[in-house]
């Protein structure tokens, strides 16, 4: 998935105990939907207060929730300053012995910045 977030309210990307981080918020939202203990792997980390435009992350689930419903459900639980912009499903081709995976773009969404809850400006 590709994320965008305004990091001003967060103590960086990486989960740090009870501190509010991007990873913690995402994992809690996805776990709530899938009813599984989800752990996200990010492509990198950000420090406290840092924003991201195209942060790539992934997770595995055994949930049978449809990909579109999972995408919409995750975004519905996230706060205004975190958005999953692109969600890609990694689906193995049925009936083949190949390890080649099919990537399917499900949907894109634009960030919700600029609403009454904050603009994300740090100037």
PDB file of N, CA and C in Angstrom:
ATOM      1  N   UNK A   1       0.847  -1.167   0.000  1.00  0.00           N
ATOM      2  CA  UNK A   1       0.000   0.000   0.000  1.00  0.00           C
ATOM      3  C   UNK A   1       0.893   1.231   0.000  1.00  0.00           C
ATOM      4  N   UNK A   2       0.345   2.309  -0.522  1.00  0.00           N
ATOM      5  CA  UNK A   2       1.068   3.580  -0.542  1.00  0.00           C
ATOM      6  C   UNK A   2       0.302   4.551   0.353  1.00  0.00           C
ATOM      7  N   UNK A   3       1.030   5.144   1.283  1.00  0.00           N
ATOM      8  CA  UNK A   3       0.429   5.999   2.307  1.00  0.00           C
ATOM      9  C   UNK A   3       0.859   7.449   2.136  1.00  0.00           C
ATOM     10  N   UNK A   4       0.031   8.313   2.628  1.00  0.00           N
ATOM     11  CA  UNK A   4       0.409   9.714   2.791  1.00  0.00           C
ATOM     12  C   UNK A   4      -0.038  10.122   4.183  1.00  0.00           C
ATOM     13  N   UNK A   5       0.827  10.865   4.850  1.00  0.00           N
ATOM     14  CA  UNK A   5       0.428  11.327   6.183  1.00  0.00           C
ATOM     15  C   UNK A   5       1.113  12.624   6.558  1.00  0.00           C
ATOM     16  N   UNK A   6       0.421  13.333   7.426  1.00  0.00           N
ATOM     17  CA  UNK A   6       0.938  14.524   8.073  1.00  0.00           C
ATOM     18  C   UNK A   6       1.429  14.043   9.437  1.00  0.00           C
ATOM     19  N   UNK A   7       2.731  14.045   9.649  1.00  0.00           N
ATOM     20  CA  UNK A   7       3.303  13.447  10.841  1.00  0.00           C
ATOM     21  C   UNK A   7       3.389  14.339  12.065  1.00  0.00           C
ATOM     22  N   UNK A   8       2.803  15.513  12.006  1.00  0.00           N
ATOM     23  CA  UNK A   8       2.955  16.496  13.088  1.00  0.00           C
ATOM     24  C   UNK A   8       2.490  15.953  14.450  1.00  0.00           C
ATOM     25  N   UNK A   9       1.473  15.099  14.475  1.00  0.00           N
ATOM     26  CA  UNK A   9       0.941  14.574  15.745  1.00  0.00           C
ATOM     27  C   UNK A   9       1.583  13.254  16.172  1.00  0.00           C
ATOM     28  N   UNK A  10       2.553  12.770  15.407  1.00  0.00           N
ATOM     29  CA  UNK A  10       3.084  11.427  15.632  1.00  0.00           C
ATOM     30  C   UNK A  10       4.562  11.448  15.984  1.00  0.00           C
ATOM     31  N   UNK A  11       4.983  10.415  16.689  1.00  0.00           N
ATOM     32  CA  UNK A  11       6.374  10.264  17.103  1.00  0.00           C
ATOM     33  C   UNK A  11       7.114   9.379  16.103  1.00  0.00           C
ATOM     34  N   UNK A  12       6.941   9.671  14.824  1.00  0.00           N
ATOM     35  CA  UNK A  12       7.621   8.936  13.773  1.00  0.00           C
ATOM     36  C   UNK A  12       6.838   7.750  13.271  1.00  0.00           C
ATOM     37  N   UNK A  13       7.489   6.972  12.422  1.00  0.00           N
ATOM     38  CA  UNK A  13       6.858   5.802  11.808  1.00  0.00           C
ATOM     39  C   UNK A  13       6.819   4.620  12.769  1.00  0.00           C
ATOM     40  N   UNK A  14       7.945   4.229  13.328  1.00  0.00           N
ATOM     41  CA  UNK A  14       8.096   2.951  14.014  1.00  0.00           C
ATOM     42  C   UNK A  14       7.365   2.881  15.339  1.00  0.00           C
ATOM     43  N   UNK A  15       6.700   1.743  15.550  1.00  0.00           N
ATOM     44  CA  UNK A  15       5.998   1.470  16.806  1.00  0.00           C
ATOM     45  C   UNK A  15       6.979   1.599  17.972  1.00  0.00           C
ATOM     46  N   UNK A  16       6.542   2.300  19.036  1.00  0.00           N
ATOM     47  CA  UNK A  16       7.388   2.533  20.209  1.00  0.00           C
ATOM     48  C   UNK A  16       6.549   2.422  21.473  1.00  0.00           C
ATOM     49  N   UNK A  17       6.194   1.230  21.841  1.00  0.00           N
ATOM     50  CA  UNK A  17       5.403   1.031  23.055  1.00  0.00           C
ATOM     51  C   UNK A  17       4.048   1.712  22.961  1.00  0.00           C
ATOM     52  N   UNK A  18       3.734   2.547  23.949  1.00  0.00           N
ATOM     53  CA  UNK A  18       2.438   3.220  23.983  1.00  0.00           C
ATOM     54  C   UNK A  18       2.430   4.559  23.261  1.00  0.00           C
ATOM     55  N   UNK A  19       3.572   4.960  22.722  1.00  0.00           N
ATOM     56  CA  UNK A  19       3.663   6.231  22.005  1.00  0.00           C
ATOM     57  C   UNK A  19       2.885   6.138  20.701  1.00  0.00           C
ATOM     58  N   UNK A  20       2.212   7.222  20.321  1.00  0.00           N
ATOM     59  CA  UNK A  20       1.431   7.214  19.085  1.00  0.00           C
ATOM     60  C   UNK A  20       2.354   7.405  17.887  1.00  0.00           C
ATOM     61  N   UNK A  21       2.366   6.391  17.018  1.00  0.00           N
ATOM     62  CA  UNK A  21       3.183   6.418  15.801  1.00  0.00           C
ATOM     63  C   UNK A  21       2.302   6.037  14.610  1.00  0.00           C
ATOM     64  N   UNK A  22       2.797   6.302  13.424  1.00  0.00           N
ATOM     65  CA  UNK A  22       2.058   5.952  12.211  1.00  0.00           C
ATOM     66  C   UNK A  22       1.853   4.440  12.149  1.00  0.00           C
ATOM     67  N   UNK A  23       2.907   3.675  12.376  1.00  0.00           N
ATOM     68  CA  UNK A  23       2.812   2.216  12.319  1.00  0.00           C
ATOM     69  C   UNK A  23       1.779   1.684  13.313  1.00  0.00           C
ATOM     70  N   UNK A  24       1.777   2.220  14.513  1.00  0.00           N
ATOM     71  CA  UNK A  24       0.832   1.763  15.540  1.00  0.00           C
ATOM     72  C   UNK A  24      -0.604   2.026  15.113  1.00  0.00           C
ATOM     73  N   UNK A  25      -0.877   3.219  14.615  1.00  0.00           N
ATOM     74  CA  UNK A  25      -2.232   3.571  14.202  1.00  0.00           C
ATOM     75  C   UNK A  25      -2.692   2.674  13.045  1.00  0.00           C
ATOM     76  N   UNK A  26      -1.811   2.466  12.075  1.00  0.00           N
ATOM     77  CA  UNK A  26      -2.152   1.592  10.941  1.00  0.00           C
ATOM     78  C   UNK A  26      -2.407   0.158  11.394  1.00  0.00           C
ATOM     79  N   UNK A  27      -1.501  -0.387  12.207  1.00  0.00           N
ATOM     80  CA  UNK A  27      -1.659  -1.766  12.666  1.00  0.00           C
ATOM     81  C   UNK A  27      -2.935  -1.955  13.465  1.00  0.00           C
ATOM     82  N   UNK A  28      -3.262  -1.007  14.307  1.00  0.00           N
ATOM     83  CA  UNK A  28      -4.495  -1.116  15.096  1.00  0.00           C
ATOM     84  C   UNK A  28      -5.728  -1.058  14.198  1.00  0.00           C
ATOM     85  N   UNK A  29      -5.715  -0.192  13.197  1.00  0.00           N
ATOM     86  CA  UNK A  29      -6.861  -0.073  12.282  1.00  0.00           C
ATOM     87  C   UNK A  29      -7.040  -1.343  11.461  1.00  0.00           C
ATOM     88  N   UNK A  30      -5.944  -1.852  10.906  1.00  0.00           N
ATOM     89  CA  UNK A  30      -6.030  -3.058  10.072  1.00  0.00           C
ATOM     90  C   UNK A  30      -6.389  -4.274  10.932  1.00  0.00           C
ATOM     91  N   UNK A  31      -5.826  -4.364  12.128  1.00  0.00           N
ATOM     92  CA  UNK A  31      -6.144  -5.476  13.031  1.00  0.00           C
ATOM     93  C   UNK A  31      -7.616  -5.482  13.413  1.00  0.00           C
ATOM     94  N   UNK A  32      -8.172  -4.307  13.593  1.00  0.00           N
ATOM     95  CA  UNK A  32      -9.595  -4.198  13.950  1.00  0.00           C
ATOM     96  C   UNK A  32     -10.471  -4.759  12.834  1.00  0.00           C
ATOM     97  N   UNK A  33     -10.112  -4.486  11.602  1.00  0.00           N
ATOM     98  CA  UNK A  33     -10.909  -4.957  10.462  1.00  0.00           C
ATOM     99  C   UNK A  33     -10.717  -6.455  10.232  1.00  0.00           C
ATOM    100  N   UNK A  34      -9.475  -6.912  10.275  1.00  0.00           N
ATOM    101  CA  UNK A  34      -9.188  -8.314   9.947  1.00  0.00           C
ATOM    102  C   UNK A  34      -9.382  -9.263  11.127  1.00  0.00           C
ATOM    103  N   UNK A  35      -9.464  -8.712  12.337  1.00  0.00           N
ATOM    104  CA  UNK A  35      -9.537  -9.524  13.558  1.00  0.00           C
ATOM    105  C   UNK A  35      -8.288 -10.403  13.706  1.00  0.00           C
ATOM    106  N   UNK A  36      -7.151  -9.890  13.225  1.00  0.00           N
ATOM    107  CA  UNK A  36      -5.867 -10.573  13.317  1.00  0.00           C
ATOM    108  C   UNK A  36      -4.842  -9.615  13.930  1.00  0.00           C
ATOM    109  N   UNK A  37      -3.770 -10.161  14.447  1.00  0.00           N
ATOM    110  CA  UNK A  37      -2.676  -9.352  14.958  1.00  0.00           C
ATOM    111  C   UNK A  37      -1.778  -8.989  13.774  1.00  0.00           C
ATOM    112  N   UNK A  38      -1.967  -7.815  13.214  1.00  0.00           N
ATOM    113  CA  UNK A  38      -1.278  -7.391  11.997  1.00  0.00           C
ATOM    114  C   UNK A  38      -0.001  -6.648  12.350  1.00  0.00           C
ATOM    115  N   UNK A  39       1.064  -6.956  11.626  1.00  0.00           N
ATOM    116  CA  UNK A  39       2.316  -6.219  11.726  1.00  0.00           C
ATOM    117  C   UNK A  39       2.656  -5.700  10.340  1.00  0.00           C
ATOM    118  N   UNK A  40       2.937  -4.421  10.258  1.00  0.00           N
ATOM    119  CA  UNK A  40       3.232  -3.762   8.991  1.00  0.00           C
ATOM    120  C   UNK A  40       4.740  -3.633   8.825  1.00  0.00           C
ATOM    121  N   UNK A  41       5.186  -3.817   7.604  1.00  0.00           N
ATOM    122  CA  UNK A  41       6.586  -3.579   7.257  1.00  0.00           C
ATOM    123  C   UNK A  41       6.622  -2.338   6.373  1.00  0.00           C
ATOM    124  N   UNK A  42       7.327  -1.321   6.817  1.00  0.00           N
ATOM    125  CA  UNK A  42       7.444  -0.085   6.052  1.00  0.00           C
ATOM    126  C   UNK A  42       8.722  -0.065   5.226  1.00  0.00           C
ATOM    127  N   UNK A  43       8.716   0.722   4.180  1.00  0.00           N
ATOM    128  CA  UNK A  43       9.897   0.822   3.313  1.00  0.00           C
ATOM    129  C   UNK A  43      10.985   1.691   3.931  1.00  0.00           C
ATOM    130  N   UNK A  44      10.649   2.385   4.980  1.00  0.00           N
ATOM    131  CA  UNK A  44      11.597   3.252   5.663  1.00  0.00           C
ATOM    132  C   UNK A  44      10.925   3.820   6.896  1.00  0.00           C
ATOM    133  N   UNK A  45      11.653   4.623   7.620  1.00  0.00           N
ATOM    134  CA  UNK A  45      11.096   5.218   8.835  1.00  0.00           C
ATOM    135  C   UNK A  45      11.194   6.733   8.764  1.00  0.00           C
ATOM    136  N   UNK A  46      10.286   7.384   9.433  1.00  0.00           N
ATOM    137  CA  UNK A  46      10.349   8.837   9.559  1.00  0.00           C
ATOM    138  C   UNK A  46      10.494   9.184  11.036  1.00  0.00           C
ATOM    139  N   UNK A  47      11.059  10.349  11.288  1.00  0.00           N
ATOM    140  CA  UNK A  47      11.207  10.846  12.653  1.00  0.00           C
ATOM    141  C   UNK A  47       9.929  11.546  13.094  1.00  0.00           C
ATOM    142  N   UNK A  48       9.887  11.920  14.345  1.00  0.00           N
ATOM    143  CA  UNK A  48       8.736  12.626  14.898  1.00  0.00           C
ATOM    144  C   UNK A  48       8.460  13.889  14.107  1.00  0.00           C
ATOM    145  N   UNK A  49       7.192  14.107  13.799  1.00  0.00           N
ATOM    146  CA  UNK A  49       6.763  15.317  13.115  1.00  0.00           C
ATOM    147  C   UNK A  49       6.994  15.343  11.614  1.00  0.00           C
ATOM    148  N   UNK A  50       7.578  14.294  11.056  1.00  0.00           N
ATOM    149  CA  UNK A  50       7.899  14.272   9.626  1.00  0.00           C
ATOM    150  C   UNK A  50       6.721  13.733   8.828  1.00  0.00           C
ATOM    151  N   UNK A  51       6.477  14.336   7.673  1.00  0.00           N
ATOM    152  CA  UNK A  51       5.375  13.939   6.794  1.00  0.00           C
ATOM    153  C   UNK A  51       5.881  12.973   5.727  1.00  0.00           C
ATOM    154  N   UNK A  52       4.947  12.264   5.099  1.00  0.00           N
ATOM    155  CA  UNK A  52       5.285  11.384   3.982  1.00  0.00           C
ATOM    156  C   UNK A  52       4.247  11.553   2.894  1.00  0.00           C
ATOM    157  N   UNK A  53       4.702  11.504   1.653  1.00  0.00           N
ATOM    158  CA  UNK A  53       3.797  11.622   0.514  1.00  0.00           C
ATOM    159  C   UNK A  53       3.526  10.268  -0.126  1.00  0.00           C
ATOM    160  N   UNK A  54       4.540   9.432  -0.259  1.00  0.00           N
ATOM    161  CA  UNK A  54       4.382   8.116  -0.894  1.00  0.00           C
ATOM    162  C   UNK A  54       5.139   7.043  -0.118  1.00  0.00           C
ATOM    163  N   UNK A  55       4.793   6.877   1.140  1.00  0.00           N
ATOM    164  CA  UNK A  55       5.397   5.848   1.989  1.00  0.00           C
ATOM    165  C   UNK A  55       4.834   4.487   1.576  1.00  0.00           C
ATOM    166  N   UNK A  56       5.703   3.554   1.278  1.00  0.00           N
ATOM    167  CA  UNK A  56       5.272   2.212   0.888  1.00  0.00           C
ATOM    168  C   UNK A  56       5.348   1.298   2.101  1.00  0.00           C
ATOM    169  N   UNK A  57       4.321   0.485   2.287  1.00  0.00           N
ATOM    170  CA  UNK A  57       4.285  -0.470   3.393  1.00  0.00           C
ATOM    171  C   UNK A  57       3.500  -1.695   2.954  1.00  0.00           C
ATOM    172  N   UNK A  58       3.708  -2.794   3.680  1.00  0.00           N
ATOM    173  CA  UNK A  58       2.937  -3.993   3.359  1.00  0.00           C
ATOM    174  C   UNK A  58       2.623  -4.774   4.617  1.00  0.00           C
ATOM    175  N   UNK A  59       1.656  -5.667   4.481  1.00  0.00           N
ATOM    176  CA  UNK A  59       1.283  -6.567   5.567  1.00  0.00           C
ATOM    177  C   UNK A  59       0.661  -7.814   4.950  1.00  0.00           C
ATOM    178  N   UNK A  60       0.633  -8.868   5.727  1.00  0.00           N
ATOM    179  CA  UNK A  60      -0.003 -10.113   5.300  1.00  0.00           C
ATOM    180  C   UNK A  60      -1.222 -10.365   6.174  1.00  0.00           C
ATOM    181  N   UNK A  61      -2.240 -10.930   5.544  1.00  0.00           N
ATOM    182  CA  UNK A  61      -3.450 -11.281   6.276  1.00  0.00           C
ATOM    183  C   UNK A  61      -4.018 -12.578   5.725  1.00  0.00           C
ATOM    184  N   UNK A  62      -4.701 -13.317   6.582  1.00  0.00           N
ATOM    185  CA  UNK A  62      -5.428 -14.513   6.166  1.00  0.00           C
ATOM    186  C   UNK A  62      -6.917 -14.218   6.051  1.00  0.00           C
ATOM    187  N   UNK A  63      -7.280 -12.964   6.199  1.00  0.00           N
ATOM    188  CA  UNK A  63      -8.679 -12.556   6.156  1.00  0.00           C
ATOM    189  C   UNK A  63      -9.273 -12.828   4.777  1.00  0.00           C
ATOM    190  N   UNK A  64     -10.545 -13.165   4.761  1.00  0.00           N
ATOM    191  CA  UNK A  64     -11.238 -13.358   3.485  1.00  0.00           C
ATOM    192  C   UNK A  64     -12.062 -12.124   3.100  1.00  0.00           C
ATOM    193  N   UNK A  65     -11.778 -11.008   3.741  1.00  0.00           N
ATOM    194  CA  UNK A  65     -12.443  -9.758   3.390  1.00  0.00           C
ATOM    195  C   UNK A  65     -11.985  -9.355   1.995  1.00  0.00           C
ATOM    196  N   UNK A  66     -12.913  -8.939   1.158  1.00  0.00           N
ATOM    197  CA  UNK A  66     -12.563  -8.497  -0.184  1.00  0.00           C
ATOM    198  C   UNK A  66     -11.584  -7.335  -0.139  1.00  0.00           C
ATOM    199  N   UNK A  67     -10.736  -7.282  -1.150  1.00  0.00           N
ATOM    200  CA  UNK A  67      -9.676  -6.274  -1.165  1.00  0.00           C
ATOM    201  C   UNK A  67     -10.245  -4.859  -1.149  1.00  0.00           C
ATOM    202  N   UNK A  68     -11.258  -4.597  -1.932  1.00  0.00           N
ATOM    203  CA  UNK A  68     -11.867  -3.263  -1.959  1.00  0.00           C
ATOM    204  C   UNK A  68     -12.470  -2.917  -0.599  1.00  0.00           C
ATOM    205  N   UNK A  69     -13.130  -3.887   0.031  1.00  0.00           N
ATOM    206  CA  UNK A  69     -13.707  -3.646   1.359  1.00  0.00           C
ATOM    207  C   UNK A  69     -12.618  -3.414   2.404  1.00  0.00           C
ATOM    208  N   UNK A  70     -11.517  -4.137   2.281  1.00  0.00           N
ATOM    209  CA  UNK A  70     -10.396  -3.937   3.194  1.00  0.00           C
ATOM    210  C   UNK A  70      -9.818  -2.537   3.033  1.00  0.00           C
ATOM    211  N   UNK A  71      -9.608  -2.131   1.799  1.00  0.00           N
ATOM    212  CA  UNK A  71      -9.091  -0.787   1.501  1.00  0.00           C
ATOM    213  C   UNK A  71     -10.006   0.294   2.081  1.00  0.00           C
ATOM    214  N   UNK A  72     -11.284   0.203   1.790  1.00  0.00           N
ATOM    215  CA  UNK A  72     -12.236   1.210   2.286  1.00  0.00           C
ATOM    216  C   UNK A  72     -12.363   1.163   3.804  1.00  0.00           C
ATOM    217  N   UNK A  73     -12.341  -0.044   4.374  1.00  0.00           N
ATOM    218  CA  UNK A  73     -12.461  -0.177   5.821  1.00  0.00           C
ATOM    219  C   UNK A  73     -11.277   0.419   6.559  1.00  0.00           C
ATOM    220  N   UNK A  74     -10.074   0.163   6.054  1.00  0.00           N
ATOM    221  CA  UNK A  74      -8.873   0.726   6.690  1.00  0.00           C
ATOM    222  C   UNK A  74      -8.951   2.250   6.677  1.00  0.00           C
ATOM    223  N   UNK A  75      -9.253   2.825   5.519  1.00  0.00           N
ATOM    224  CA  UNK A  75      -9.329   4.284   5.428  1.00  0.00           C
ATOM    225  C   UNK A  75     -10.431   4.859   6.303  1.00  0.00           C
ATOM    226  N   UNK A  76     -11.509   4.123   6.493  1.00  0.00           N
ATOM    227  CA  UNK A  76     -12.607   4.640   7.322  1.00  0.00           C
ATOM    228  C   UNK A  76     -12.214   4.717   8.796  1.00  0.00           C
ATOM    229  N   UNK A  77     -11.252   3.907   9.213  1.00  0.00           N
ATOM    230  CA  UNK A  77     -10.817   3.900  10.617  1.00  0.00           C
ATOM    231  C   UNK A  77      -9.626   4.807  10.891  1.00  0.00           C
ATOM    232  N   UNK A  78      -8.925   5.213   9.849  1.00  0.00           N
ATOM    233  CA  UNK A  78      -7.747   6.051  10.045  1.00  0.00           C
ATOM    234  C   UNK A  78      -8.129   7.487  10.376  1.00  0.00           C
ATOM    235  N   UNK A  79      -7.322   8.171  11.172  1.00  0.00           N
ATOM    236  CA  UNK A  79      -7.586   9.583  11.442  1.00  0.00           C
ATOM    237  C   UNK A  79      -7.384  10.412  10.178  1.00  0.00           C
ATOM    238  N   UNK A  80      -7.821  11.654  10.214  1.00  0.00           N
ATOM    239  CA  UNK A  80      -7.814  12.530   9.039  1.00  0.00           C
ATOM    240  C   UNK A  80      -6.430  12.743   8.456  1.00  0.00           C
ATOM    241  N   UNK A  81      -5.379  12.571   9.256  1.00  0.00           N
ATOM    242  CA  UNK A  81      -4.034  12.909   8.791  1.00  0.00           C
ATOM    243  C   UNK A  81      -3.222  11.713   8.286  1.00  0.00           C
ATOM    244  N   UNK A  82      -3.869  10.559   8.141  1.00  0.00           N
ATOM    245  CA  UNK A  82      -3.240   9.380   7.534  1.00  0.00           C
ATOM    246  C   UNK A  82      -4.208   8.834   6.494  1.00  0.00           C
ATOM    247  N   UNK A  83      -3.709   8.552   5.295  1.00  0.00           N
ATOM    248  CA  UNK A  83      -4.570   7.980   4.265  1.00  0.00           C
ATOM    249  C   UNK A  83      -3.802   6.928   3.479  1.00  0.00           C
ATOM    250  N   UNK A  84      -4.467   5.813   3.197  1.00  0.00           N
ATOM    251  CA  UNK A  84      -3.938   4.822   2.268  1.00  0.00           C
ATOM    252  C   UNK A  84      -4.377   5.291   0.895  1.00  0.00           C
ATOM    253  N   UNK A  85      -3.423   5.738   0.086  1.00  0.00           N
ATOM    254  CA  UNK A  85      -3.734   6.293  -1.235  1.00  0.00           C
ATOM    255  C   UNK A  85      -3.906   5.208  -2.285  1.00  0.00           C
ATOM    256  N   UNK A  86      -3.073   4.206  -2.228  1.00  0.00           N
ATOM    257  CA  UNK A  86      -3.114   3.122  -3.208  1.00  0.00           C
ATOM    258  C   UNK A  86      -3.002   1.812  -2.450  1.00  0.00           C
ATOM    259  N   UNK A  87      -3.821   0.863  -2.826  1.00  0.00           N
ATOM    260  CA  UNK A  87      -3.815  -0.440  -2.189  1.00  0.00           C
ATOM    261  C   UNK A  87      -3.612  -1.478  -3.286  1.00  0.00           C
ATOM    262  N   UNK A  88      -2.598  -2.296  -3.147  1.00  0.00           N
ATOM    263  CA  UNK A  88      -2.295  -3.310  -4.150  1.00  0.00           C
ATOM    264  C   UNK A  88      -2.406  -4.673  -3.486  1.00  0.00           C
ATOM    265  N   UNK A  89      -3.110  -5.564  -4.131  1.00  0.00           N
ATOM    266  CA  UNK A  89      -3.264  -6.917  -3.617  1.00  0.00           C
ATOM    267  C   UNK A  89      -2.279  -7.838  -4.317  1.00  0.00           C
ATOM    268  N   UNK A  90      -1.585  -8.623  -3.555  1.00  0.00           N
ATOM    269  CA  UNK A  90      -0.612  -9.576  -4.079  1.00  0.00           C
ATOM    270  C   UNK A  90      -1.292 -10.942  -4.081  1.00  0.00           C
ATOM    271  N   UNK A  91      -1.786 -11.338  -5.242  1.00  0.00           N
ATOM    272  CA  UNK A  91      -2.600 -12.552  -5.341  1.00  0.00           C
ATOM    273  C   UNK A  91      -1.852 -13.587  -6.172  1.00  0.00           C
ATOM    274  N   UNK A  92      -1.675 -14.779  -5.632  1.00  0.00           N
ATOM    275  CA  UNK A  92      -0.992 -15.826  -6.393  1.00  0.00           C
ATOM    276  C   UNK A  92      -1.926 -16.359  -7.469  1.00  0.00           C
ATOM    277  N   UNK A  93      -1.390 -16.605  -8.639  1.00  0.00           N
ATOM    278  CA  UNK A  93      -2.162 -17.138  -9.746  1.00  0.00           C
ATOM    279  C   UNK A  93      -2.641 -18.550  -9.409  1.00  0.00           C
ATOM    280  N   UNK A  94      -3.949 -18.797  -9.438  1.00  0.00           N
ATOM    281  CA  UNK A  94      -4.432 -20.145  -9.151  1.00  0.00           C
ATOM    282  C   UNK A  94      -4.071 -21.103 -10.293  1.00  0.00           C
ATOM    283  N   UNK A  95      -3.817 -22.354  -9.943  1.00  0.00           N
ATOM    284  CA  UNK A  95      -3.586 -23.382 -10.940  1.00  0.00           C
ATOM    285  C   UNK A  95      -2.231 -23.330 -11.618  1.00  0.00           C
ATOM    286  N   UNK A  96      -1.286 -22.567 -11.063  1.00  0.00           N
ATOM    287  CA  UNK A  96       0.041 -22.513 -11.671  1.00  0.00           C
ATOM    288  C   UNK A  96       1.079 -22.929 -10.643  1.00  0.00           C
ATOM    289  N   UNK A  97       2.213 -23.361 -11.127  1.00  0.00           N
ATOM    290  CA  UNK A  97       3.322 -23.704 -10.253  1.00  0.00           C
ATOM    291  C   UNK A  97       4.287 -22.539 -10.113  1.00  0.00           C
ATOM    292  N   UNK A  98       4.002 -21.478 -10.824  1.00  0.00           N
ATOM    293  CA  UNK A  98       4.875 -20.316 -10.840  1.00  0.00           C
ATOM    294  C   UNK A  98       4.760 -19.531  -9.540  1.00  0.00           C
ATOM    295  N   UNK A  99       5.860 -18.896  -9.154  1.00  0.00           N
ATOM    296  CA  UNK A  99       5.834 -18.012  -7.994  1.00  0.00           C
ATOM    297  C   UNK A  99       5.500 -16.579  -8.396  1.00  0.00           C
ATOM    298  N   UNK A 100       5.272 -16.391  -9.703  1.00  0.00           N
ATOM    299  CA  UNK A 100       4.914 -15.056 -10.181  1.00  0.00           C
ATOM    300  C   UNK A 100       3.569 -14.662  -9.583  1.00  0.00           C
ATOM    301  N   UNK A 101       3.524 -13.458  -9.102  1.00  0.00           N
ATOM    302  CA  UNK A 101       2.319 -12.956  -8.453  1.00  0.00           C
ATOM    303  C   UNK A 101       1.600 -11.959  -9.361  1.00  0.00           C
ATOM    304  N   UNK A 102       0.324 -11.877  -9.195  1.00  0.00           N
ATOM    305  CA  UNK A 102      -0.472 -10.898  -9.922  1.00  0.00           C
ATOM    306  C   UNK A 102      -0.694  -9.708  -9.005  1.00  0.00           C
ATOM    307  N   UNK A 103      -0.320  -8.528  -9.475  1.00  0.00           N
ATOM    308  CA  UNK A 103      -0.573  -7.307  -8.710  1.00  0.00           C
ATOM    309  C   UNK A 103      -1.817  -6.653  -9.280  1.00  0.00           C
ATOM    310  N   UNK A 104      -2.723  -6.333  -8.420  1.00  0.00           N
ATOM    311  CA  UNK A 104      -3.978  -5.747  -8.866  1.00  0.00           C
ATOM    312  C   UNK A 104      -4.199  -4.433  -8.123  1.00  0.00           C
ATOM    313  N   UNK A 105      -4.211  -3.356  -8.868  1.00  0.00           N
ATOM    314  CA  UNK A 105      -4.495  -2.060  -8.272  1.00  0.00           C
ATOM    315  C   UNK A 105      -5.985  -1.995  -7.986  1.00  0.00           C
ATOM    316  N   UNK A 106      -6.319  -1.727  -6.743  1.00  0.00           N
ATOM    317  CA  UNK A 106      -7.717  -1.734  -6.355  1.00  0.00           C
ATOM    318  C   UNK A 106      -8.340  -0.357  -6.496  1.00  0.00           C
ATOM    319  N   UNK A 107      -7.730   0.628  -5.918  1.00  0.00           N
ATOM    320  CA  UNK A 107      -8.361   1.937  -5.892  1.00  0.00           C
ATOM    321  C   UNK A 107      -7.332   2.950  -5.425  1.00  0.00           C
ATOM    322  N   UNK A 108      -7.561   4.198  -5.748  1.00  0.00           N
ATOM    323  CA  UNK A 108      -6.726   5.254  -5.197  1.00  0.00           C
ATOM    324  C   UNK A 108      -7.610   6.238  -4.451  1.00  0.00           C
ATOM    325  N   UNK A 109      -7.007   6.928  -3.524  1.00  0.00           N
ATOM    326  CA  UNK A 109      -7.736   7.895  -2.704  1.00  0.00           C
ATOM    327  C   UNK A 109      -6.810   9.072  -2.457  1.00  0.00           C
ATOM    328  N   UNK A 110      -7.363  10.249  -2.407  1.00  0.00           N
ATOM    329  CA  UNK A 110      -6.557  11.432  -2.137  1.00  0.00           C
ATOM    330  C   UNK A 110      -6.580  11.743  -0.649  1.00  0.00           C
ATOM    331  N   UNK A 111      -5.517  12.347  -0.141  1.00  0.00           N
ATOM    332  CA  UNK A 111      -5.467  12.695   1.283  1.00  0.00           C
ATOM    333  C   UNK A 111      -6.573  13.677   1.658  1.00  0.00           C
ATOM    334  N   UNK A 112      -6.886  13.693   2.924  1.00  0.00           N
ATOM    335  CA  UNK A 112      -7.970  14.526   3.437  1.00  0.00           C
ATOM    336  C   UNK A 112      -7.463  15.775   4.116  1.00  0.00           C
ATOM    337  N   UNK A 113      -6.271  16.233   3.779  1.00  0.00           N
ATOM    338  CA  UNK A 113      -5.718  17.419   4.419  1.00  0.00           C
ATOM    339  C   UNK A 113      -6.566  18.639   4.107  1.00  0.00           C
ATOM    340  N   UNK A 114      -6.425  19.637   4.963  1.00  0.00           N
ATOM    341  CA  UNK A 114      -7.100  20.902   4.724  1.00  0.00           C
ATOM    342  C   UNK A 114      -8.495  20.947   5.269  1.00  0.00           C
ATOM    343  N   UNK A 115      -8.938  19.900   5.982  1.00  0.00           N
ATOM    344  CA  UNK A 115     -10.280  19.962   6.566  1.00  0.00           C
ATOM    345  C   UNK A 115     -10.221  20.753   7.877  1.00  0.00           C
ATOM    346  N   UNK A 116     -11.308  20.826   8.580  1.00  0.00           N
ATOM    347  CA  UNK A 116     -11.382  21.630   9.798  1.00  0.00           C
ATOM    348  C   UNK A 116     -10.498  21.091  10.917  1.00  0.00           C
ATOM    349  N   UNK A 117     -10.015  19.847  10.791  1.00  0.00           N
ATOM    350  CA  UNK A 117      -9.215  19.264  11.853  1.00  0.00           C
ATOM    351  C   UNK A 117      -7.742  19.650  11.763  1.00  0.00           C
ATOM    352  N   UNK A 118      -7.338  20.326  10.713  1.00  0.00           N
ATOM    353  CA  UNK A 118      -5.944  20.730  10.599  1.00  0.00           C
ATOM    354  C   UNK A 118      -5.494  20.705   9.153  1.00  0.00           C
ATOM    355  N   UNK A 119      -4.548  21.542   8.837  1.00  0.00           N
ATOM    356  CA  UNK A 119      -4.090  21.613   7.464  1.00  0.00           C
ATOM    357  C   UNK A 119      -2.758  20.924   7.248  1.00  0.00           C
ATOM    358  N   UNK A 120      -2.064  20.603   8.329  1.00  0.00           N
ATOM    359  CA  UNK A 120      -0.778  19.953   8.206  1.00  0.00           C
ATOM    360  C   UNK A 120       0.366  20.937   7.977  1.00  0.00           C
ATOM    361  N   UNK A 121       0.073  22.214   7.937  1.00  0.00           N
ATOM    362  CA  UNK A 121       1.113  23.201   7.708  1.00  0.00           C
ATOM    363  C   UNK A 121       1.983  23.334   8.954  1.00  0.00           C
ATOM    364  N   UNK A 122       3.290  23.408   8.729  1.00  0.00           N
ATOM    365  CA  UNK A 122       4.202  23.553   9.871  1.00  0.00           C
ATOM    366  C   UNK A 122       4.927  24.882   9.805  1.00  0.00           C
ATOM    367  N   UNK A 123       4.506  25.770   8.898  1.00  0.00           N
ATOM    368  CA  UNK A 123       5.223  27.056   8.761  1.00  0.00           C
ATOM    369  C   UNK A 123       4.761  28.076   9.778  1.00  0.00           C
TER     370      UNK A 123
END
